[in-house]
């Protein structure tokens, strides 16, 4: 059951980052910070998106985790995609937070794009 109180929270995430350590990957994290809302846990979903040849964003990897607020290695969701070749690819992440049992905004966080020598297989 949802609370009648709208949750006051902040959606957070980092830039997509590239690791050349074998196997090379693109990855991103998402988490949430609780404001004055009643929620204590949220389902955080992180989608890695890459631009295709037509300039459209396509989700290539998505992962979710139910976590308490705060960030840090134990309190964040992670999406990771193994690179498919070394084609220069523009990446971003989309973070969606759904506070459990609390009405919350459908808004999502879109991180600024970054370009890496990490193909997405599009």
PDB file of N, CA and C in Angstrom:
ATOM      1  N   UNK A   1       0.844  -1.185   0.000  1.00  0.00           N
ATOM      2  CA  UNK A   1       0.000   0.000   0.000  1.00  0.00           C
ATOM      3  C   UNK A   1       0.882   1.238   0.000  1.00  0.00           C
ATOM      4  N   UNK A   2       0.498   2.244  -0.771  1.00  0.00           N
ATOM      5  CA  UNK A   2       1.249   3.478  -0.860  1.00  0.00           C
ATOM      6  C   UNK A   2       0.820   4.457   0.222  1.00  0.00           C
ATOM      7  N   UNK A   3       1.771   5.211   0.730  1.00  0.00           N
ATOM      8  CA  UNK A   3       1.470   6.271   1.677  1.00  0.00           C
ATOM      9  C   UNK A   3       0.840   7.439   0.923  1.00  0.00           C
ATOM     10  N   UNK A   4       0.019   8.243   1.618  1.00  0.00           N
ATOM     11  CA  UNK A   4      -0.547   9.437   0.998  1.00  0.00           C
ATOM     12  C   UNK A   4       0.474  10.569   0.936  1.00  0.00           C
ATOM     13  N   UNK A   5       1.569  10.427   1.645  1.00  0.00           N
ATOM     14  CA  UNK A   5       2.615  11.446   1.648  1.00  0.00           C
ATOM     15  C   UNK A   5       3.489  11.246   0.418  1.00  0.00           C
ATOM     16  N   UNK A   6       3.776  12.351  -0.267  1.00  0.00           N
ATOM     17  CA  UNK A   6       4.688  12.265  -1.406  1.00  0.00           C
ATOM     18  C   UNK A   6       6.103  12.304  -0.862  1.00  0.00           C
ATOM     19  N   UNK A   7       6.894  11.352  -1.251  1.00  0.00           N
ATOM     20  CA  UNK A   7       8.256  11.252  -0.751  1.00  0.00           C
ATOM     21  C   UNK A   7       9.137  12.394  -1.225  1.00  0.00           C
ATOM     22  N   UNK A   8       9.892  12.983  -0.313  1.00  0.00           N
ATOM     23  CA  UNK A   8      10.858  14.031  -0.619  1.00  0.00           C
ATOM     24  C   UNK A   8      12.232  13.368  -0.623  1.00  0.00           C
ATOM     25  N   UNK A   9      12.793  13.174  -1.811  1.00  0.00           N
ATOM     26  CA  UNK A   9      14.070  12.488  -1.925  1.00  0.00           C
ATOM     27  C   UNK A   9      14.817  13.021  -3.140  1.00  0.00           C
ATOM     28  N   UNK A  10      16.086  12.665  -3.231  1.00  0.00           N
ATOM     29  CA  UNK A  10      16.909  13.075  -4.366  1.00  0.00           C
ATOM     30  C   UNK A  10      17.434  11.833  -5.071  1.00  0.00           C
ATOM     31  N   UNK A  11      17.293  11.811  -6.383  1.00  0.00           N
ATOM     32  CA  UNK A  11      17.869  10.752  -7.205  1.00  0.00           C
ATOM     33  C   UNK A  11      19.293  11.153  -7.546  1.00  0.00           C
ATOM     34  N   UNK A  12      20.231  10.220  -7.417  1.00  0.00           N
ATOM     35  CA  UNK A  12      21.636  10.539  -7.675  1.00  0.00           C
ATOM     36  C   UNK A  12      22.282   9.451  -8.523  1.00  0.00           C
ATOM     37  N   UNK A  13      23.305   9.833  -9.257  1.00  0.00           N
ATOM     38  CA  UNK A  13      24.042   8.880 -10.077  1.00  0.00           C
ATOM     39  C   UNK A  13      25.341   9.496 -10.541  1.00  0.00           C
ATOM     40  N   UNK A  14      26.264   8.653 -10.953  1.00  0.00           N
ATOM     41  CA  UNK A  14      27.533   9.160 -11.466  1.00  0.00           C
ATOM     42  C   UNK A  14      27.558   9.057 -12.990  1.00  0.00           C
ATOM     43  N   UNK A  15      28.556   9.715 -13.581  1.00  0.00           N
ATOM     44  CA  UNK A  15      28.756   9.606 -15.018  1.00  0.00           C
ATOM     45  C   UNK A  15      29.047   8.155 -15.378  1.00  0.00           C
ATOM     46  N   UNK A  16      28.707   7.770 -16.584  1.00  0.00           N
ATOM     47  CA  UNK A  16      29.174   6.470 -17.074  1.00  0.00           C
ATOM     48  C   UNK A  16      30.694   6.551 -17.105  1.00  0.00           C
ATOM     49  N   UNK A  17      31.346   5.528 -16.590  1.00  0.00           N
ATOM     50  CA  UNK A  17      32.805   5.509 -16.605  1.00  0.00           C
ATOM     51  C   UNK A  17      33.292   4.255 -17.313  1.00  0.00           C
ATOM     52  N   UNK A  18      34.519   4.332 -17.791  1.00  0.00           N
ATOM     53  CA  UNK A  18      35.124   3.285 -18.613  1.00  0.00           C
ATOM     54  C   UNK A  18      36.285   2.669 -17.857  1.00  0.00           C
ATOM     55  N   UNK A  19      36.324   1.354 -17.853  1.00  0.00           N
ATOM     56  CA  UNK A  19      37.447   0.632 -17.257  1.00  0.00           C
ATOM     57  C   UNK A  19      38.106  -0.204 -18.341  1.00  0.00           C
ATOM     58  N   UNK A  20      39.401   0.017 -18.542  1.00  0.00           N
ATOM     59  CA  UNK A  20      40.124  -0.745 -19.565  1.00  0.00           C
ATOM     60  C   UNK A  20      40.679  -2.051 -19.015  1.00  0.00           C
ATOM     61  N   UNK A  21      40.550  -2.262 -17.694  1.00  0.00           N
ATOM     62  CA  UNK A  21      41.002  -3.519 -17.099  1.00  0.00           C
ATOM     63  C   UNK A  21      40.198  -4.660 -17.709  1.00  0.00           C
ATOM     64  N   UNK A  22      40.871  -5.708 -18.210  1.00  0.00           N
ATOM     65  CA  UNK A  22      40.140  -6.797 -18.885  1.00  0.00           C
ATOM     66  C   UNK A  22      39.095  -7.443 -17.978  1.00  0.00           C
ATOM     67  N   UNK A  23      37.912  -7.686 -18.503  1.00  0.00           N
ATOM     68  CA  UNK A  23      37.449  -7.219 -19.807  1.00  0.00           C
ATOM     69  C   UNK A  23      37.026  -5.754 -19.714  1.00  0.00           C
ATOM     70  N   UNK A  24      37.311  -4.936 -20.742  1.00  0.00           N
ATOM     71  CA  UNK A  24      36.917  -3.525 -20.704  1.00  0.00           C
ATOM     72  C   UNK A  24      35.395  -3.394 -20.564  1.00  0.00           C
ATOM     73  N   UNK A  25      34.960  -2.436 -19.748  1.00  0.00           N
ATOM     74  CA  UNK A  25      33.530  -2.251 -19.502  1.00  0.00           C
ATOM     75  C   UNK A  25      33.168  -0.771 -19.407  1.00  0.00           C
ATOM     76  N   UNK A  26      31.895  -0.499 -19.632  1.00  0.00           N
ATOM     77  CA  UNK A  26      31.288   0.790 -19.301  1.00  0.00           C
ATOM     78  C   UNK A  26      30.351   0.500 -18.135  1.00  0.00           C
ATOM     79  N   UNK A  27      30.336   1.370 -17.143  1.00  0.00           N
ATOM     80  CA  UNK A  27      29.456   1.134 -16.002  1.00  0.00           C
ATOM     81  C   UNK A  27      29.001   2.453 -15.391  1.00  0.00           C
ATOM     82  N   UNK A  28      27.936   2.367 -14.613  1.00  0.00           N
ATOM     83  CA  UNK A  28      27.390   3.532 -13.925  1.00  0.00           C
ATOM     84  C   UNK A  28      26.678   3.072 -12.663  1.00  0.00           C
ATOM     85  N   UNK A  29      26.577   3.984 -11.711  1.00  0.00           N
ATOM     86  CA  UNK A  29      25.923   3.710 -10.435  1.00  0.00           C
ATOM     87  C   UNK A  29      24.763   4.671 -10.220  1.00  0.00           C
ATOM     88  N   UNK A  30      23.788   4.237  -9.440  1.00  0.00           N
ATOM     89  CA  UNK A  30      22.678   5.090  -9.040  1.00  0.00           C
ATOM     90  C   UNK A  30      22.339   4.839  -7.588  1.00  0.00           C
ATOM     91  N   UNK A  31      21.862   5.881  -6.897  1.00  0.00           N
ATOM     92  CA  UNK A  31      21.480   5.765  -5.498  1.00  0.00           C
ATOM     93  C   UNK A  31      20.463   6.856  -5.190  1.00  0.00           C
ATOM     94  N   UNK A  32      20.051   6.941  -3.940  1.00  0.00           N
ATOM     95  CA  UNK A  32      19.090   7.972  -3.561  1.00  0.00           C
ATOM     96  C   UNK A  32      19.421   8.525  -2.190  1.00  0.00           C
ATOM     97  N   UNK A  33      18.980   9.755  -1.973  1.00  0.00           N
ATOM     98  CA  UNK A  33      19.162  10.435  -0.697  1.00  0.00           C
ATOM     99  C   UNK A  33      17.776  10.817  -0.195  1.00  0.00           C
ATOM    100  N   UNK A  34      17.469  10.463   1.041  1.00  0.00           N
ATOM    101  CA  UNK A  34      16.150  10.759   1.596  1.00  0.00           C
ATOM    102  C   UNK A  34      16.133  12.169   2.150  1.00  0.00           C
ATOM    103  N   UNK A  35      15.070  12.903   1.839  1.00  0.00           N
ATOM    104  CA  UNK A  35      14.874  14.235   2.401  1.00  0.00           C
ATOM    105  C   UNK A  35      14.033  14.100   3.650  1.00  0.00           C
ATOM    106  N   UNK A  36      12.821  14.630   3.593  1.00  0.00           N
ATOM    107  CA  UNK A  36      11.927  14.547   4.747  1.00  0.00           C
ATOM    108  C   UNK A  36      10.836  13.503   4.536  1.00  0.00           C
ATOM    109  N   UNK A  37      10.988  12.680   3.515  1.00  0.00           N
ATOM    110  CA  UNK A  37       9.976  11.670   3.208  1.00  0.00           C
ATOM    111  C   UNK A  37      10.016  10.499   4.171  1.00  0.00           C
ATOM    112  N   UNK A  38       8.928   9.720   4.195  1.00  0.00           N
ATOM    113  CA  UNK A  38       8.824   8.599   5.126  1.00  0.00           C
ATOM    114  C   UNK A  38       9.511   7.317   4.642  1.00  0.00           C
ATOM    115  N   UNK A  39       9.977   7.273   3.411  1.00  0.00           N
ATOM    116  CA  UNK A  39      10.544   6.042   2.867  1.00  0.00           C
ATOM    117  C   UNK A  39      11.875   5.666   3.489  1.00  0.00           C
ATOM    118  N   UNK A  40      12.093   4.357   3.636  1.00  0.00           N
ATOM    119  CA  UNK A  40      13.361   3.870   4.186  1.00  0.00           C
ATOM    120  C   UNK A  40      14.136   3.018   3.190  1.00  0.00           C
ATOM    121  N   UNK A  41      13.468   2.525   2.148  1.00  0.00           N
ATOM    122  CA  UNK A  41      14.125   1.744   1.097  1.00  0.00           C
ATOM    123  C   UNK A  41      13.512   2.117  -0.243  1.00  0.00           C
ATOM    124  N   UNK A  42      14.305   1.937  -1.293  1.00  0.00           N
ATOM    125  CA  UNK A  42      13.814   2.217  -2.640  1.00  0.00           C
ATOM    126  C   UNK A  42      14.412   1.224  -3.619  1.00  0.00           C
ATOM    127  N   UNK A  43      13.650   0.958  -4.668  1.00  0.00           N
ATOM    128  CA  UNK A  43      14.171   0.174  -5.781  1.00  0.00           C
ATOM    129  C   UNK A  43      14.831   1.170  -6.731  1.00  0.00           C
ATOM    130  N   UNK A  44      16.145   1.042  -6.879  1.00  0.00           N
ATOM    131  CA  UNK A  44      16.911   1.932  -7.751  1.00  0.00           C
ATOM    132  C   UNK A  44      17.271   1.153  -9.008  1.00  0.00           C
ATOM    133  N   UNK A  45      16.890   1.695 -10.157  1.00  0.00           N
ATOM    134  CA  UNK A  45      17.166   1.062 -11.443  1.00  0.00           C
ATOM    135  C   UNK A  45      18.107   1.952 -12.235  1.00  0.00           C
ATOM    136  N   UNK A  46      19.194   1.360 -12.724  1.00  0.00           N
ATOM    137  CA  UNK A  46      20.169   2.075 -13.550  1.00  0.00           C
ATOM    138  C   UNK A  46      20.167   1.445 -14.934  1.00  0.00           C
ATOM    139  N   UNK A  47      19.984   2.285 -15.941  1.00  0.00           N
ATOM    140  CA  UNK A  47      20.063   1.823 -17.330  1.00  0.00           C
ATOM    141  C   UNK A  47      21.249   2.494 -18.003  1.00  0.00           C
ATOM    142  N   UNK A  48      22.111   1.689 -18.609  1.00  0.00           N
ATOM    143  CA  UNK A  48      23.191   2.217 -19.442  1.00  0.00           C
ATOM    144  C   UNK A  48      22.624   2.407 -20.831  1.00  0.00           C
ATOM    145  N   UNK A  49      22.806   3.596 -21.382  1.00  0.00           N
ATOM    146  CA  UNK A  49      22.337   3.864 -22.731  1.00  0.00           C
ATOM    147  C   UNK A  49      23.502   4.299 -23.603  1.00  0.00           C
ATOM    148  N   UNK A  50      23.445   3.893 -24.873  1.00  0.00           N
ATOM    149  CA  UNK A  50      24.454   4.278 -25.860  1.00  0.00           C
ATOM    150  C   UNK A  50      23.735   4.848 -27.073  1.00  0.00           C
ATOM    151  N   UNK A  51      24.401   5.789 -27.749  1.00  0.00           N
ATOM    152  CA  UNK A  51      23.821   6.341 -28.975  1.00  0.00           C
ATOM    153  C   UNK A  51      24.095   5.402 -30.127  1.00  0.00           C
ATOM    154  N   UNK A  52      23.048   5.139 -30.909  1.00  0.00           N
ATOM    155  CA  UNK A  52      23.222   4.300 -32.093  1.00  0.00           C
ATOM    156  C   UNK A  52      23.666   5.170 -33.275  1.00  0.00           C
ATOM    157  N   UNK A  53      23.835   4.561 -34.431  1.00  0.00           N
ATOM    158  CA  UNK A  53      24.307   5.272 -35.618  1.00  0.00           C
ATOM    159  C   UNK A  53      23.396   6.399 -36.060  1.00  0.00           C
ATOM    160  N   UNK A  54      22.127   6.349 -35.698  1.00  0.00           N
ATOM    161  CA  UNK A  54      21.170   7.394 -36.046  1.00  0.00           C
ATOM    162  C   UNK A  54      21.062   8.490 -35.000  1.00  0.00           C
ATOM    163  N   UNK A  55      21.879   8.399 -33.944  1.00  0.00           N
ATOM    164  CA  UNK A  55      21.858   9.409 -32.889  1.00  0.00           C
ATOM    165  C   UNK A  55      20.786   9.204 -31.837  1.00  0.00           C
ATOM    166  N   UNK A  56      20.175   8.022 -31.819  1.00  0.00           N
ATOM    167  CA  UNK A  56      19.133   7.709 -30.836  1.00  0.00           C
ATOM    168  C   UNK A  56      19.727   6.960 -29.648  1.00  0.00           C
ATOM    169  N   UNK A  57      19.212   7.248 -28.462  1.00  0.00           N
ATOM    170  CA  UNK A  57      19.657   6.542 -27.266  1.00  0.00           C
ATOM    171  C   UNK A  57      18.984   5.176 -27.187  1.00  0.00           C
ATOM    172  N   UNK A  58      19.780   4.147 -26.922  1.00  0.00           N
ATOM    173  CA  UNK A  58      19.285   2.774 -26.773  1.00  0.00           C
ATOM    174  C   UNK A  58      19.805   2.208 -25.457  1.00  0.00           C
ATOM    175  N   UNK A  59      18.917   1.602 -24.674  1.00  0.00           N
ATOM    176  CA  UNK A  59      19.352   0.939 -23.441  1.00  0.00           C
ATOM    177  C   UNK A  59      20.049  -0.362 -23.808  1.00  0.00           C
ATOM    178  N   UNK A  60      21.256  -0.557 -23.266  1.00  0.00           N
ATOM    179  CA  UNK A  60      22.023  -1.767 -23.577  1.00  0.00           C
ATOM    180  C   UNK A  60      22.240  -2.644 -22.342  1.00  0.00           C
ATOM    181  N   UNK A  61      21.980  -2.102 -21.170  1.00  0.00           N
ATOM    182  CA  UNK A  61      22.105  -2.886 -19.935  1.00  0.00           C
ATOM    183  C   UNK A  61      21.293  -2.180 -18.855  1.00  0.00           C
ATOM    184  N   UNK A  62      20.555  -2.950 -18.063  1.00  0.00           N
ATOM    185  CA  UNK A  62      19.753  -2.393 -16.975  1.00  0.00           C
ATOM    186  C   UNK A  62      19.881  -3.304 -15.766  1.00  0.00           C
ATOM    187  N   UNK A  63      19.982  -2.674 -14.593  1.00  0.00           N
ATOM    188  CA  UNK A  63      20.094  -3.440 -13.357  1.00  0.00           C
ATOM    189  C   UNK A  63      19.355  -2.692 -12.246  1.00  0.00           C
ATOM    190  N   UNK A  64      18.763  -3.428 -11.314  1.00  0.00           N
ATOM    191  CA  UNK A  64      18.034  -2.830 -10.189  1.00  0.00           C
ATOM    192  C   UNK A  64      18.511  -3.425  -8.878  1.00  0.00           C
ATOM    193  N   UNK A  65      18.368  -2.624  -7.826  1.00  0.00           N
ATOM    194  CA  UNK A  65      18.712  -3.090  -6.490  1.00  0.00           C
ATOM    195  C   UNK A  65      17.841  -2.329  -5.491  1.00  0.00           C
ATOM    196  N   UNK A  66      17.335  -3.026  -4.475  1.00  0.00           N
ATOM    197  CA  UNK A  66      16.572  -2.381  -3.410  1.00  0.00           C
ATOM    198  C   UNK A  66      17.547  -2.014  -2.305  1.00  0.00           C
ATOM    199  N   UNK A  67      17.605  -0.705  -2.011  1.00  0.00           N
ATOM    200  CA  UNK A  67      18.633  -0.205  -1.097  1.00  0.00           C
ATOM    201  C   UNK A  67      18.086   0.875  -0.163  1.00  0.00           C
ATOM    202  N   UNK A  68      18.798   1.069   0.938  1.00  0.00           N
ATOM    203  CA  UNK A  68      18.550   2.186   1.840  1.00  0.00           C
ATOM    204  C   UNK A  68      19.194   3.430   1.218  1.00  0.00           C
ATOM    205  N   UNK A  69      18.816   4.623   1.679  1.00  0.00           N
ATOM    206  CA  UNK A  69      19.400   5.833   1.109  1.00  0.00           C
ATOM    207  C   UNK A  69      20.860   6.013   1.507  1.00  0.00           C
ATOM    208  N   UNK A  70      21.589   6.797   0.725  1.00  0.00           N
ATOM    209  CA  UNK A  70      22.913   7.204   1.158  1.00  0.00           C
ATOM    210  C   UNK A  70      24.047   7.055   0.178  1.00  0.00           C
ATOM    211  N   UNK A  71      23.993   6.138  -0.748  1.00  0.00           N
ATOM    212  CA  UNK A  71      25.133   5.947  -1.639  1.00  0.00           C
ATOM    213  C   UNK A  71      26.201   5.095  -0.978  1.00  0.00           C
ATOM    214  N   UNK A  72      27.409   5.121  -1.512  1.00  0.00           N
ATOM    215  CA  UNK A  72      28.473   4.252  -1.029  1.00  0.00           C
ATOM    216  C   UNK A  72      28.342   2.882  -1.657  1.00  0.00           C
ATOM    217  N   UNK A  73      29.363   2.072  -1.559  1.00  0.00           N
ATOM    218  CA  UNK A  73      29.395   0.804  -2.292  1.00  0.00           C
ATOM    219  C   UNK A  73      28.250  -0.144  -1.938  1.00  0.00           C
ATOM    220  N   UNK A  74      27.751  -0.105  -0.712  1.00  0.00           N
ATOM    221  CA  UNK A  74      26.669  -1.016  -0.316  1.00  0.00           C
ATOM    222  C   UNK A  74      25.283  -0.443  -0.593  1.00  0.00           C
ATOM    223  N   UNK A  75      25.216   0.838  -0.883  1.00  0.00           N
ATOM    224  CA  UNK A  75      23.918   1.500  -1.052  1.00  0.00           C
ATOM    225  C   UNK A  75      23.803   2.159  -2.420  1.00  0.00           C
ATOM    226  N   UNK A  76      24.082   1.371  -3.438  1.00  0.00           N
ATOM    227  CA  UNK A  76      23.912   1.863  -4.804  1.00  0.00           C
ATOM    228  C   UNK A  76      23.673   0.688  -5.738  1.00  0.00           C
ATOM    229  N   UNK A  77      22.995   0.989  -6.826  1.00  0.00           N
ATOM    230  CA  UNK A  77      22.780   0.003  -7.884  1.00  0.00           C
ATOM    231  C   UNK A  77      23.832   0.243  -8.956  1.00  0.00           C
ATOM    232  N   UNK A  78      24.171  -0.807  -9.691  1.00  0.00           N
ATOM    233  CA  UNK A  78      25.210  -0.714 -10.714  1.00  0.00           C
ATOM    234  C   UNK A  78      24.740  -1.397 -11.985  1.00  0.00           C
ATOM    235  N   UNK A  79      25.004  -0.752 -13.113  1.00  0.00           N
ATOM    236  CA  UNK A  79      24.793  -1.384 -14.419  1.00  0.00           C
ATOM    237  C   UNK A  79      26.143  -1.412 -15.119  1.00  0.00           C
ATOM    238  N   UNK A  80      26.476  -2.551 -15.709  1.00  0.00           N
ATOM    239  CA  UNK A  80      27.789  -2.733 -16.341  1.00  0.00           C
ATOM    240  C   UNK A  80      27.609  -3.453 -17.668  1.00  0.00           C
ATOM    241  N   UNK A  81      28.325  -2.963 -18.685  1.00  0.00           N
ATOM    242  CA  UNK A  81      28.273  -3.562 -20.022  1.00  0.00           C
ATOM    243  C   UNK A  81      29.693  -3.820 -20.492  1.00  0.00           C
ATOM    244  N   UNK A  82      29.984  -5.065 -20.839  1.00  0.00           N
ATOM    245  CA  UNK A  82      31.285  -5.392 -21.415  1.00  0.00           C
ATOM    246  C   UNK A  82      31.356  -4.793 -22.815  1.00  0.00           C
ATOM    247  N   UNK A  83      32.455  -4.098 -23.101  1.00  0.00           N
ATOM    248  CA  UNK A  83      32.628  -3.450 -24.402  1.00  0.00           C
ATOM    249  C   UNK A  83      32.653  -4.488 -25.515  1.00  0.00           C
ATOM    250  N   UNK A  84      32.047  -4.131 -26.619  1.00  0.00           N
ATOM    251  CA  UNK A  84      32.066  -4.966 -27.818  1.00  0.00           C
ATOM    252  C   UNK A  84      32.914  -4.241 -28.854  1.00  0.00           C
ATOM    253  N   UNK A  85      34.212  -4.421 -28.769  1.00  0.00           N
ATOM    254  CA  UNK A  85      35.141  -3.716 -29.649  1.00  0.00           C
ATOM    255  C   UNK A  85      35.520  -2.363 -29.071  1.00  0.00           C
ATOM    256  N   UNK A  86      36.208  -1.565 -29.890  1.00  0.00           N
ATOM    257  CA  UNK A  86      36.738  -0.285 -29.417  1.00  0.00           C
ATOM    258  C   UNK A  86      36.149   0.912 -30.162  1.00  0.00           C
ATOM    259  N   UNK A  87      34.993   0.746 -30.779  1.00  0.00           N
ATOM    260  CA  UNK A  87      34.358   1.868 -31.478  1.00  0.00           C
ATOM    261  C   UNK A  87      34.041   2.984 -30.488  1.00  0.00           C
ATOM    262  N   UNK A  88      34.351   4.230 -30.876  1.00  0.00           N
ATOM    263  CA  UNK A  88      34.000   5.361 -30.018  1.00  0.00           C
ATOM    264  C   UNK A  88      32.482   5.411 -29.889  1.00  0.00           C
ATOM    265  N   UNK A  89      32.020   5.391 -28.650  1.00  0.00           N
ATOM    266  CA  UNK A  89      30.588   5.325 -28.372  1.00  0.00           C
ATOM    267  C   UNK A  89      30.236   6.361 -27.315  1.00  0.00           C
ATOM    268  N   UNK A  90      29.108   7.032 -27.507  1.00  0.00           N
ATOM    269  CA  UNK A  90      28.627   8.010 -26.538  1.00  0.00           C
ATOM    270  C   UNK A  90      27.647   7.318 -25.595  1.00  0.00           C
ATOM    271  N   UNK A  91      27.911   7.482 -24.297  1.00  0.00           N
ATOM    272  CA  UNK A  91      27.168   6.793 -23.245  1.00  0.00           C
ATOM    273  C   UNK A  91      26.516   7.790 -22.298  1.00  0.00           C
ATOM    274  N   UNK A  92      25.432   7.369 -21.658  1.00  0.00           N
ATOM    275  CA  UNK A  92      24.842   8.074 -20.525  1.00  0.00           C
ATOM    276  C   UNK A  92      24.148   7.026 -19.664  1.00  0.00           C
ATOM    277  N   UNK A  93      23.751   7.431 -18.472  1.00  0.00           N
ATOM    278  CA  UNK A  93      22.957   6.531 -17.639  1.00  0.00           C
ATOM    279  C   UNK A  93      21.646   7.213 -17.279  1.00  0.00           C
ATOM    280  N   UNK A  94      20.649   6.381 -17.012  1.00  0.00           N
ATOM    281  CA  UNK A  94      19.339   6.846 -16.574  1.00  0.00           C
ATOM    282  C   UNK A  94      19.064   6.161 -15.240  1.00  0.00           C
ATOM    283  N   UNK A  95      18.782   6.961 -14.220  1.00  0.00           N
ATOM    284  CA  UNK A  95      18.543   6.421 -12.880  1.00  0.00           C
ATOM    285  C   UNK A  95      17.089   6.696 -12.494  1.00  0.00           C
ATOM    286  N   UNK A  96      16.396   5.640 -12.088  1.00  0.00           N
ATOM    287  CA  UNK A  96      15.003   5.742 -11.654  1.00  0.00           C
ATOM    288  C   UNK A  96      14.911   5.223 -10.225  1.00  0.00           C
ATOM    289  N   UNK A  97      14.334   6.026  -9.346  1.00  0.00           N
ATOM    290  CA  UNK A  97      14.162   5.641  -7.943  1.00  0.00           C
ATOM    291  C   UNK A  97      12.674   5.505  -7.653  1.00  0.00           C
ATOM    292  N   UNK A  98      12.279   4.350  -7.142  1.00  0.00           N
ATOM    293  CA  UNK A  98      10.909   4.113  -6.701  1.00  0.00           C
ATOM    294  C   UNK A  98      10.952   3.803  -5.212  1.00  0.00           C
ATOM    295  N   UNK A  99      10.580   4.801  -4.404  1.00  0.00           N
ATOM    296  CA  UNK A  99      10.585   4.618  -2.953  1.00  0.00           C
ATOM    297  C   UNK A  99       9.461   3.651  -2.600  1.00  0.00           C
ATOM    298  N   UNK A 100       9.802   2.635  -1.843  1.00  0.00           N
ATOM    299  CA  UNK A 100       8.856   1.562  -1.532  1.00  0.00           C
ATOM    300  C   UNK A 100       7.783   2.046  -0.558  1.00  0.00           C
ATOM    301  N   UNK A 101       6.510   1.856  -0.960  1.00  0.00           N
ATOM    302  CA  UNK A 101       5.385   2.203  -0.110  1.00  0.00           C
ATOM    303  C   UNK A 101       5.055   3.681  -0.045  1.00  0.00           C
ATOM    304  N   UNK A 102       5.687   4.493  -0.900  1.00  0.00           N
ATOM    305  CA  UNK A 102       5.493   5.942  -0.869  1.00  0.00           C
ATOM    306  C   UNK A 102       5.241   6.438  -2.285  1.00  0.00           C
ATOM    307  N   UNK A 103       4.275   7.334  -2.440  1.00  0.00           N
ATOM    308  CA  UNK A 103       4.070   7.950  -3.751  1.00  0.00           C
ATOM    309  C   UNK A 103       5.287   8.821  -4.039  1.00  0.00           C
ATOM    310  N   UNK A 104       5.815   8.674  -5.238  1.00  0.00           N
ATOM    311  CA  UNK A 104       6.957   9.507  -5.584  1.00  0.00           C
ATOM    312  C   UNK A 104       6.871   9.938  -7.041  1.00  0.00           C
ATOM    313  N   UNK A 105       7.732  10.825  -7.403  1.00  0.00           N
ATOM    314  CA  UNK A 105       7.746  11.401  -8.743  1.00  0.00           C
ATOM    315  C   UNK A 105       8.173  10.365  -9.775  1.00  0.00           C
ATOM    316  N   UNK A 106       7.599  10.420 -10.980  1.00  0.00           N
ATOM    317  CA  UNK A 106       8.040   9.522 -12.049  1.00  0.00           C
ATOM    318  C   UNK A 106       9.313  10.026 -12.743  1.00  0.00           C
ATOM    319  N   UNK A 107       9.843  11.155 -12.277  1.00  0.00           N
ATOM    320  CA  UNK A 107      11.036  11.739 -12.904  1.00  0.00           C
ATOM    321  C   UNK A 107      12.234  10.807 -12.788  1.00  0.00           C
ATOM    322  N   UNK A 108      13.107  10.894 -13.780  1.00  0.00           N
ATOM    323  CA  UNK A 108      14.337  10.106 -13.805  1.00  0.00           C
ATOM    324  C   UNK A 108      15.519  11.048 -13.963  1.00  0.00           C
ATOM    325  N   UNK A 109      16.680  10.594 -13.521  1.00  0.00           N
ATOM    326  CA  UNK A 109      17.914  11.353 -13.686  1.00  0.00           C
ATOM    327  C   UNK A 109      18.620  10.866 -14.940  1.00  0.00           C
ATOM    328  N   UNK A 110      18.946  11.791 -15.835  1.00  0.00           N
ATOM    329  CA  UNK A 110      19.727  11.492 -17.041  1.00  0.00           C
ATOM    330  C   UNK A 110      21.088  12.137 -16.853  1.00  0.00           C
ATOM    331  N   UNK A 111      22.148  11.328 -16.803  1.00  0.00           N
ATOM    332  CA  UNK A 111      23.478  11.890 -16.583  1.00  0.00           C
ATOM    333  C   UNK A 111      24.034  12.461 -17.887  1.00  0.00           C
ATOM    334  N   UNK A 112      24.940  13.439 -17.787  1.00  0.00           N
ATOM    335  CA  UNK A 112      25.571  13.973 -18.994  1.00  0.00           C
ATOM    336  C   UNK A 112      26.312  12.867 -19.748  1.00  0.00           C
ATOM    337  N   UNK A 113      26.369  13.014 -21.063  1.00  0.00           N
ATOM    338  CA  UNK A 113      26.991  11.967 -21.884  1.00  0.00           C
ATOM    339  C   UNK A 113      28.514  12.042 -21.845  1.00  0.00           C
ATOM    340  N   UNK A 114      29.128  10.885 -22.071  1.00  0.00           N
ATOM    341  CA  UNK A 114      30.585  10.729 -22.151  1.00  0.00           C
ATOM    342  C   UNK A 114      30.886   9.799 -23.319  1.00  0.00           C
ATOM    343  N   UNK A 115      32.001  10.033 -23.994  1.00  0.00           N
ATOM    344  CA  UNK A 115      32.387   9.194 -25.129  1.00  0.00           C
ATOM    345  C   UNK A 115      33.649   8.415 -24.783  1.00  0.00           C
ATOM    346  N   UNK A 116      33.607   7.112 -25.047  1.00  0.00           N
ATOM    347  CA  UNK A 116      34.721   6.215 -24.733  1.00  0.00           C
ATOM    348  C   UNK A 116      34.965   5.245 -25.882  1.00  0.00           C
ATOM    349  N   UNK A 117      36.184   4.668 -25.958  1.00  0.00           N
ATOM    350  CA  UNK A 117      36.471   3.633 -26.968  1.00  0.00           C
ATOM    351  C   UNK A 117      35.932   2.282 -26.505  1.00  0.00           C
ATOM    352  N   UNK A 118      34.616   2.202 -26.441  1.00  0.00           N
ATOM    353  CA  UNK A 118      33.939   1.032 -25.875  1.00  0.00           C
ATOM    354  C   UNK A 118      32.648   0.821 -26.648  1.00  0.00           C
ATOM    355  N   UNK A 119      32.659  -0.114 -27.587  1.00  0.00           N
ATOM    356  CA  UNK A 119      31.482  -0.373 -28.406  1.00  0.00           C
ATOM    357  C   UNK A 119      30.349  -0.988 -27.606  1.00  0.00           C
ATOM    358  N   UNK A 120      29.115  -0.618 -27.974  1.00  0.00           N
ATOM    359  CA  UNK A 120      27.929  -1.115 -27.278  1.00  0.00           C
ATOM    360  C   UNK A 120      27.247  -2.251 -28.025  1.00  0.00           C
ATOM    361  N   UNK A 121      27.730  -2.576 -29.215  1.00  0.00           N
ATOM    362  CA  UNK A 121      27.121  -3.651 -29.986  1.00  0.00           C
ATOM    363  C   UNK A 121      25.843  -3.249 -30.694  1.00  0.00           C
ATOM    364  N   UNK A 122      25.672  -1.967 -30.938  1.00  0.00           N
ATOM    365  CA  UNK A 122      24.458  -1.490 -31.624  1.00  0.00           C
ATOM    366  C   UNK A 122      24.640  -1.511 -33.130  1.00  0.00           C
TER     367      UNK A 122
END
